[in-house]
Structure formats: C-alpha cells, structure tokens
Amino acid sequence: MTTMAPDTGSYEAVFDAAVAADERIEPRDWMPDAYRASLVRQIAQHAHSEIIGMQPEANWITRAPSLRRKAILMAKVQDEAGHGLYLYSAAETLGTSRDELLDKLHSGRQKYSSIFNYPTLTWADVGAIGWLVDGAAITNQVPLCRCSYGPYARAMVRVCKEESFHQRQGYELLLTLSRGTEAQHAMAQDAVDRWWWPSLMMFGPPDGESAHSAQSMAWKIKRHSNDELRQRFVDICVPQAESLGLTLPDPDLRWNEERGHHDFGPIDWAEFHEVLRGNGPCNDQRITRRRQAHEDGAWVREAAAAYAGKHRDTQGEAGA
C-alpha cells in the first residue's frame, strides 16, 4: 500500500482503495478497527474449529480397522493441529495473543464450528467427515485464498491443499464401505444420513440472518455469501453421492433446470442455534477435553518459555 496522510480520513481512503483494487492488506498497514475485529473473530473461530475438530476423529485412531487406516487417520489429525497453528499465527499478526484467544475459547466467549459437537458413532463417520465436512470446508475456504488480509490468505493456500487430500481420503473410505458387505454399505449410508444436514449448516445462517456476511464481503474477507457457498456444495455432492452408491437424505433434492442448480429441502435452523448455544450432543464433552488438554500441556509451554529465555540470555551475554 502507498504512504498515507496523517489524518484518519486519508488512511481510510487508502485502505478502501486497496481493497477495491484487490490489493492485500498486510499487518503493518492501517486498517479500520472493525476490519481488524472481524478478522480476529473469523480467524479465531476457524483456528478453534481445527483444534476442536481433532477430537471426533481422534476417537477412532485406536479402533481403525487396519494399520493403513490408522496411519492415514493419525496423519489427518496431525494436519488439523497444524492448521490450527497456522491460523493462530495469522491471528497474532492482528495484535492478539494466542493465550487470549484460547482463554476466550475455554470460557465460551468465542465459538467454533457447530459441526464438531456431533458424535462419531461408527467407523463410517470418519469417511463422512472427510467427504462432507472437509468437502464443505474446502468449498468455504478456497475463496479465502483470495481474502483481502494477506496472512490469512497465504495460510489458507496450504490449508486448502491438505483439506482437499482429506476430502479424497474420506470419499475413498466411504467408497470402500459402500462396495463392501451389506452391513458395511448400511453403515456408510447411516453416516451420510447423520452428517448431511449438519454439513449444510456449516456455511452459517441464511444470508438474510447473517450478522457478518455483508460487511465481510464488502471488505473482501469473504468472496461469496453463505447461501451461495451452500448451493455450490450441494451441486458438488449430488453426483459424488451417485458415484458412491449412497443416497443423500433429502426427499426434496432435485435438479432445477431453470435455475441450473439443485433444489434442496429446508434446513432445521432451530437445531443449528441450539447446538450453537451449547446444547448439542457433545458440546460439554468437547470443551471439557479441550480445557483438560490445555492444562495437561502447561508444563510443555513453561519448559519452552524457560528454554527460550535461557537462549536469549545466552545470546545477550555473547553479544556483551
């Protein structure tokens, strides 16, 4: 961005011009307080979702049906931890600390995606999460690679590459089950039946009820509305479900020639808001385990801080 005049009006004019020209806003550039706050909210929620999202799948690491499946699942869970770290680092460039963000998560002052408050009841759920949940994440996150805030956009490039691999892993797992025994096919269908609607809720409330979408799109943090992304996801999933030999649990799902998109049935937004308020099947379990993991890791953080302090002292003595 170009050098700015000393008054706020000029700063804002330069900021608006940069956004309009699809230039990246960088950490040292001036930005409106509301833009900064919106980014912190969105990036923190994204980071928290990656970390909490490790739990439903980690539940199956010790019960994976083969060594190959175990290795794949361990690698995926490890990837999700890395995504959380990338995103917390991006949030820190906005002047907030990771400790502050985690405190807000643990106290309930910041949210994570409601999808991770559903249980993983069978091995097929791991496949359904990969195909549907990671598929929805990719649909939502690929446009974020063009986000107006540079550190967030750059972090999303690697995240999306890895999420795409996770989606293919989930699809392959479901395909194997779907083509297996009758019991395996039934297990795959049951998982899809349970995860389909929560996956559609991942894109957030309808555009008319979304508190942040319009402004985020004006700032080019987001590039598409919730409903646009949800429709794109449905259109992608229908032919994939046919290839899998599985049925999406929506009797109203059909191709609309006039619109050039699939029509789909009404979403139970009452369920979405209930889970968001903390009353989902696994809300208490997820946040309790997250707090416990944070407490159990305190000694590691203390040791790392002590080592870093000792390293700084050593360097200071060498330079004296």
Protein backbone atom coordinates (compact mmCIF):
# COMPACT_ATOMS: atom_id res chain seq x y z
CA MET A 1 0.00 0.00 0.00
CA THR A 2 1.09 3.59 -0.59
CA THR A 3 2.24 6.04 2.10
CA MET A 4 -0.74 7.51 3.93
CA ALA A 5 -1.50 11.05 5.05
CA PRO A 6 -1.55 11.70 8.80
CA ASP A 7 -5.34 12.03 9.18
CA THR A 8 -7.71 9.07 9.66
CA GLY A 9 -9.82 10.04 6.66
CA SER A 10 -6.83 9.67 4.37
CA TYR A 11 -5.88 6.38 5.97
CA GLU A 12 -9.37 5.04 5.35
CA ALA A 13 -9.39 6.27 1.78
CA VAL A 14 -6.16 4.42 1.06
CA PHE A 15 -7.49 1.29 2.78
CA ASP A 16 -10.73 1.39 0.77
CA ALA A 17 -8.80 1.93 -2.47
CA ALA A 18 -6.53 -1.04 -1.73
CA VAL A 19 -9.49 -3.33 -1.02
CA ALA A 20 -11.31 -2.13 -4.15
CA ALA A 21 -8.18 -2.83 -6.24
CA ASP A 22 -7.86 -6.37 -4.79
CA GLU A 23 -4.58 -5.50 -3.10
CA ARG A 24 -3.58 -7.33 0.06
CA ILE A 25 -3.78 -5.64 3.43
CA GLU A 26 -0.69 -6.50 5.48
CA PRO A 27 -0.16 -6.39 9.27
CA ARG A 28 1.69 -3.05 9.29
CA ASP A 29 -0.89 -1.34 7.08
CA TRP A 30 -3.54 0.86 8.61
CA MET A 31 -6.93 -0.84 8.85
CA PRO A 32 -10.27 0.10 10.45
CA ASP A 33 -10.78 -1.26 13.96
CA ALA A 34 -13.93 -3.03 12.78
CA TYR A 35 -11.99 -4.77 9.98
CA ARG A 36 -9.37 -5.95 12.47
CA ALA A 37 -12.04 -7.16 14.91
CA SER A 38 -13.90 -9.01 12.17
CA LEU A 39 -10.74 -10.78 11.08
CA VAL A 40 -9.84 -11.76 14.64
CA ARG A 41 -13.34 -13.18 15.16
CA GLN A 42 -13.31 -15.18 11.92
CA ILE A 43 -9.73 -16.43 12.10
CA ALA A 44 -10.09 -17.37 15.78
CA GLN A 45 -13.28 -19.32 15.10
CA HIS A 46 -11.54 -21.06 12.21
CA ALA A 47 -8.49 -21.93 14.35
CA HIS A 48 -10.64 -23.16 17.25
CA SER A 49 -12.61 -25.35 14.82
CA GLU A 50 -9.43 -27.02 13.57
CA ILE A 51 -8.30 -27.80 17.12
CA ILE A 52 -11.67 -28.96 18.46
CA GLY A 53 -12.22 -30.83 15.19
CA MET A 54 -9.36 -33.17 16.05
CA GLN A 55 -11.47 -34.81 18.76
CA PRO A 56 -14.23 -36.60 16.79
CA GLU A 57 -11.72 -38.35 14.52
CA ALA A 58 -9.05 -38.97 17.15
CA ASN A 59 -11.76 -41.00 18.87
CA TRP A 60 -11.22 -43.65 16.16
CA ILE A 61 -7.42 -43.78 15.92
CA THR A 62 -7.12 -46.76 18.30
CA ARG A 63 -10.06 -48.52 16.63
CA ALA A 64 -9.19 -48.06 12.95
CA PRO A 65 -9.70 -51.39 11.14
CA SER A 66 -6.17 -51.67 9.72
CA LEU A 67 -2.67 -50.30 10.18
CA ARG A 68 -3.04 -48.40 6.89
CA ARG A 69 -6.26 -46.73 8.03
CA LYS A 70 -4.69 -45.92 11.40
CA ALA A 71 -1.70 -44.23 9.75
CA ILE A 72 -3.97 -42.22 7.43
CA LEU A 73 -6.15 -41.04 10.29
CA MET A 74 -3.18 -40.12 12.50
CA ALA A 75 -1.71 -38.07 9.67
CA LYS A 76 -5.00 -36.30 9.13
CA VAL A 77 -5.45 -35.40 12.79
CA GLN A 78 -1.87 -34.12 12.83
CA ASP A 79 -2.66 -31.95 9.80
CA GLU A 80 -5.64 -30.42 11.63
CA ALA A 81 -3.37 -29.45 14.52
CA GLY A 82 -1.05 -27.77 12.05
CA HIS A 83 -3.95 -25.84 10.52
CA GLY A 84 -4.84 -24.51 13.94
CA LEU A 85 -1.27 -23.34 14.46
CA TYR A 86 -1.16 -21.56 11.08
CA LEU A 87 -4.40 -19.77 11.87
CA TYR A 88 -3.48 -18.76 15.42
CA SER A 89 -0.26 -17.33 13.98
CA ALA A 90 -2.28 -15.35 11.41
CA ALA A 91 -4.49 -14.00 14.19
CA GLU A 92 -1.41 -12.93 16.17
CA THR A 93 -0.39 -10.62 13.32
CA LEU A 94 -3.52 -8.60 14.16
CA GLY A 95 -2.25 -7.79 17.63
CA THR A 96 -3.95 -10.52 19.64
CA SER A 97 -2.15 -13.28 21.51
CA ARG A 98 -2.76 -17.00 21.25
CA ASP A 99 -3.27 -17.18 25.01
CA GLU A 100 -6.02 -14.58 24.78
CA LEU A 101 -7.78 -16.49 22.01
CA LEU A 102 -7.58 -19.79 23.89
CA ASP A 103 -8.89 -18.14 27.07
CA LYS A 104 -11.89 -16.90 25.11
CA LEU A 105 -12.48 -20.37 23.64
CA HIS A 106 -12.26 -22.08 27.01
CA SER A 107 -14.57 -19.54 28.65
CA GLY A 108 -17.15 -19.73 25.86
CA ARG A 109 -16.59 -16.16 24.63
CA GLN A 110 -15.51 -17.38 21.19
CA LYS A 111 -17.13 -20.11 19.11
CA TYR A 112 -16.03 -22.97 16.92
CA SER A 113 -17.97 -24.70 14.15
CA SER A 114 -21.11 -26.39 15.46
CA ILE A 115 -20.39 -29.46 13.29
CA PHE A 116 -17.82 -30.72 15.78
CA ASN A 117 -20.42 -31.12 18.52
CA TYR A 118 -21.83 -34.26 16.86
CA PRO A 119 -20.59 -37.73 17.88
CA THR A 120 -18.69 -40.17 15.67
CA LEU A 121 -20.68 -43.34 16.30
CA THR A 122 -19.12 -45.70 13.74
CA TRP A 123 -16.01 -46.06 11.61
CA ALA A 124 -18.01 -44.80 8.61
CA ASP A 125 -18.34 -41.43 10.36
CA VAL A 126 -14.64 -40.88 9.69
CA GLY A 127 -15.36 -41.21 5.98
CA ALA A 128 -18.45 -39.00 6.16
CA ILE A 129 -16.46 -36.28 7.94
CA GLY A 130 -13.77 -36.46 5.28
CA TRP A 131 -16.20 -36.36 2.36
CA LEU A 132 -18.87 -33.99 3.71
CA VAL A 133 -17.33 -31.91 6.49
CA ASP A 134 -13.95 -31.42 4.82
CA GLY A 135 -15.74 -31.01 1.50
CA ALA A 136 -17.86 -28.20 2.97
CA ALA A 137 -14.71 -26.69 4.48
CA ILE A 138 -12.98 -26.67 1.09
CA THR A 139 -15.98 -25.04 -0.57
CA ASN A 140 -15.91 -22.33 2.07
CA GLN A 141 -12.15 -21.93 2.33
CA VAL A 142 -10.84 -21.95 -1.24
CA PRO A 143 -12.23 -18.41 -1.80
CA LEU A 144 -10.40 -17.36 1.38
CA CYS A 145 -7.13 -17.84 -0.52
CA ARG A 146 -8.15 -14.51 -2.12
CA CYS A 147 -9.02 -12.89 1.20
CA SER A 148 -8.04 -9.21 1.41
CA TYR A 149 -5.89 -9.85 4.51
CA GLY A 150 -2.53 -11.22 3.40
CA PRO A 151 -1.51 -13.53 6.28
CA TYR A 152 -4.93 -15.22 6.32
CA ALA A 153 -4.99 -15.68 2.55
CA ARG A 154 -1.49 -17.17 2.49
CA ALA A 155 -2.23 -19.56 5.36
CA MET A 156 -5.28 -20.81 3.50
CA VAL A 157 -3.29 -21.94 0.47
CA ARG A 158 -1.62 -24.79 2.36
CA VAL A 159 -4.71 -25.50 4.48
CA CYS A 160 -6.85 -25.97 1.37
CA LYS A 161 -4.32 -28.28 -0.28
CA GLU A 162 -4.31 -30.54 2.77
CA GLU A 163 -8.09 -30.35 3.23
CA SER A 164 -8.53 -31.45 -0.40
CA PHE A 165 -6.45 -34.53 0.36
CA HIS A 166 -8.57 -35.20 3.48
CA GLN A 167 -11.74 -34.97 1.41
CA ARG A 168 -10.42 -37.53 -1.06
CA GLN A 169 -9.44 -39.83 1.82
CA GLY A 170 -12.96 -39.65 3.22
CA TYR A 171 -14.51 -40.29 -0.18
CA GLU A 172 -12.27 -43.33 -0.73
CA LEU A 173 -13.15 -44.71 2.71
CA LEU A 174 -16.89 -44.39 2.03
CA LEU A 175 -16.48 -45.89 -1.43
CA THR A 176 -14.76 -48.94 0.06
CA LEU A 177 -17.54 -49.41 2.62
CA SER A 178 -20.30 -48.77 0.09
CA ARG A 179 -18.92 -51.52 -2.18
CA GLY A 180 -18.36 -53.92 0.71
CA THR A 181 -20.84 -56.11 2.54
CA GLU A 182 -24.47 -55.17 3.10
CA ALA A 183 -23.63 -54.23 6.67
CA GLN A 184 -20.75 -52.00 5.54
CA HIS A 185 -22.94 -50.30 2.93
CA ALA A 186 -25.63 -49.73 5.54
CA MET A 187 -23.06 -48.27 7.93
CA ALA A 188 -21.85 -45.84 5.23
CA GLN A 189 -25.42 -44.80 4.40
CA ASP A 190 -26.22 -44.25 8.08
CA ALA A 191 -23.19 -41.98 8.49
CA VAL A 192 -24.17 -39.89 5.47
CA ASP A 193 -27.74 -39.64 6.78
CA ARG A 194 -26.49 -38.20 10.05
CA TRP A 195 -23.81 -35.83 8.71
CA TRP A 196 -25.54 -34.36 5.65
CA TRP A 197 -27.68 -31.71 7.32
CA PRO A 198 -25.08 -30.57 9.87
CA SER A 199 -22.66 -30.20 6.93
CA LEU A 200 -25.08 -27.82 5.20
CA MET A 201 -25.30 -25.83 8.45
CA MET A 202 -21.51 -25.34 8.38
CA PHE A 203 -21.90 -22.44 5.95
CA GLY A 204 -23.71 -20.42 8.57
CA PRO A 205 -27.24 -19.00 8.76
CA PRO A 206 -29.18 -17.84 5.69
CA ASP A 207 -27.89 -14.63 4.16
CA GLY A 208 -30.82 -12.63 5.50
CA GLU A 209 -29.97 -13.69 9.07
CA SER A 210 -26.17 -13.50 8.90
CA ALA A 211 -24.81 -10.71 11.07
CA HIS A 212 -21.38 -10.50 9.45
CA SER A 213 -21.53 -11.72 5.84
CA ALA A 214 -22.44 -8.47 4.08
CA GLN A 215 -19.66 -6.43 5.68
CA SER A 216 -17.11 -9.24 5.32
CA MET A 217 -17.90 -9.41 1.61
CA ALA A 218 -17.62 -5.62 1.27
CA TRP A 219 -14.13 -5.83 2.79
CA LYS A 220 -13.37 -8.88 0.59
CA ILE A 221 -12.60 -11.04 3.58
CA LYS A 222 -15.28 -13.33 2.19
CA ARG A 223 -15.93 -13.59 -1.54
CA HIS A 224 -19.29 -15.38 -1.53
CA SER A 225 -22.35 -15.39 0.69
CA ASN A 226 -23.35 -18.30 2.94
CA ASP A 227 -26.21 -19.35 0.69
CA GLU A 228 -24.07 -19.18 -2.47
CA LEU A 229 -21.47 -21.47 -0.93
CA ARG A 230 -24.12 -23.85 0.42
CA GLN A 231 -25.67 -24.16 -3.04
CA ARG A 232 -22.27 -24.81 -4.60
CA PHE A 233 -21.62 -27.57 -2.06
CA VAL A 234 -24.96 -29.29 -2.75
CA ASP A 235 -24.34 -29.20 -6.50
CA ILE A 236 -20.91 -30.80 -5.99
CA CYS A 237 -22.15 -33.53 -3.64
CA VAL A 238 -25.10 -34.85 -5.63
CA PRO A 239 -23.08 -36.52 -8.44
CA GLN A 240 -20.47 -37.66 -5.93
CA ALA A 241 -23.16 -39.40 -3.88
CA GLU A 242 -24.39 -41.15 -7.02
CA SER A 243 -20.85 -42.39 -7.72
CA LEU A 244 -20.61 -43.65 -4.15
CA GLY A 245 -23.88 -45.52 -4.50
CA LEU A 246 -25.25 -43.64 -1.49
CA THR A 247 -28.39 -41.53 -1.09
CA LEU A 248 -28.48 -38.02 0.33
CA PRO A 249 -31.22 -37.86 2.99
CA ASP A 250 -33.37 -35.16 1.40
CA PRO A 251 -36.62 -36.08 -0.37
CA ASP A 252 -36.82 -32.56 -1.82
CA LEU A 253 -33.43 -32.81 -3.54
CA ARG A 254 -33.83 -32.49 -7.31
CA TRP A 255 -32.30 -30.73 -10.31
CA ASN A 256 -33.90 -27.41 -11.24
CA GLU A 257 -33.36 -26.87 -14.95
CA GLU A 258 -34.49 -23.26 -14.81
CA ARG A 259 -32.07 -22.31 -12.03
CA GLY A 260 -29.28 -24.58 -13.19
CA HIS A 261 -28.87 -25.81 -9.61
CA HIS A 262 -30.24 -28.48 -7.31
CA ASP A 263 -33.19 -27.56 -5.13
CA PHE A 264 -32.95 -28.93 -1.61
CA GLY A 265 -35.20 -29.11 1.43
CA PRO A 266 -35.43 -26.77 4.42
CA ILE A 267 -32.66 -26.83 7.00
CA ASP A 268 -33.57 -27.19 10.67
CA TRP A 269 -32.13 -23.89 11.86
CA ALA A 270 -33.60 -24.45 15.33
CA GLU A 271 -31.16 -27.37 15.71
CA PHE A 272 -28.29 -25.20 14.45
CA HIS A 273 -28.97 -22.45 17.01
CA GLU A 274 -29.49 -24.97 19.79
CA VAL A 275 -26.08 -26.55 19.13
CA LEU A 276 -24.52 -23.09 18.83
CA ARG A 277 -25.93 -22.17 22.25
CA GLY A 278 -24.06 -25.12 23.73
CA ASN A 279 -26.84 -27.68 23.80
CA GLY A 280 -25.57 -30.07 21.13
CA PRO A 281 -24.84 -33.77 21.73
CA CYS A 282 -21.15 -33.27 22.57
CA ASN A 283 -20.67 -29.56 23.43
CA ASP A 284 -19.75 -30.14 27.08
CA GLN A 285 -17.52 -33.10 26.23
CA ARG A 286 -15.61 -31.24 23.52
CA ILE A 287 -14.82 -28.12 25.54
CA THR A 288 -14.06 -30.09 28.72
CA ARG A 289 -11.49 -32.19 26.88
CA ARG A 290 -10.02 -29.07 25.27
CA ARG A 291 -9.58 -27.38 28.65
CA GLN A 292 -8.06 -30.54 30.11
CA ALA A 293 -5.61 -30.90 27.21
CA HIS A 294 -4.60 -27.26 27.67
CA GLU A 295 -3.98 -27.80 31.39
CA ASP A 296 -2.08 -31.03 30.77
CA GLY A 297 0.20 -29.20 28.33
CA ALA A 298 1.07 -26.38 30.71
CA TRP A 299 4.43 -27.92 31.63
CA VAL A 300 5.43 -28.09 27.95
CA ARG A 301 4.66 -24.39 27.44
CA GLU A 302 6.52 -23.49 30.62
CA ALA A 303 9.55 -25.53 29.59
CA ALA A 304 9.56 -23.97 26.11
CA ALA A 305 9.33 -20.47 27.60
CA ALA A 306 12.18 -21.24 30.02
CA TYR A 307 14.35 -22.58 27.20
CA ALA A 308 13.63 -19.53 25.05
CA GLY A 309 14.50 -17.24 27.96
CA LYS A 310 17.76 -19.08 28.61
CA HIS A 311 18.60 -18.89 24.89
CA ARG A 312 18.02 -15.12 24.88
CA ASP A 313 20.20 -14.70 27.97
CA THR A 314 23.00 -16.71 26.37
CA GLN A 315 22.85 -14.62 23.23
CA GLY A 316 22.84 -11.45 25.29
CA GLU A 317 25.96 -12.48 27.17
CA ALA A 318 27.71 -13.42 23.92
CA GLY A 319 26.91 -10.02 22.44
CA ALA A 320 28.01 -8.06 25.51
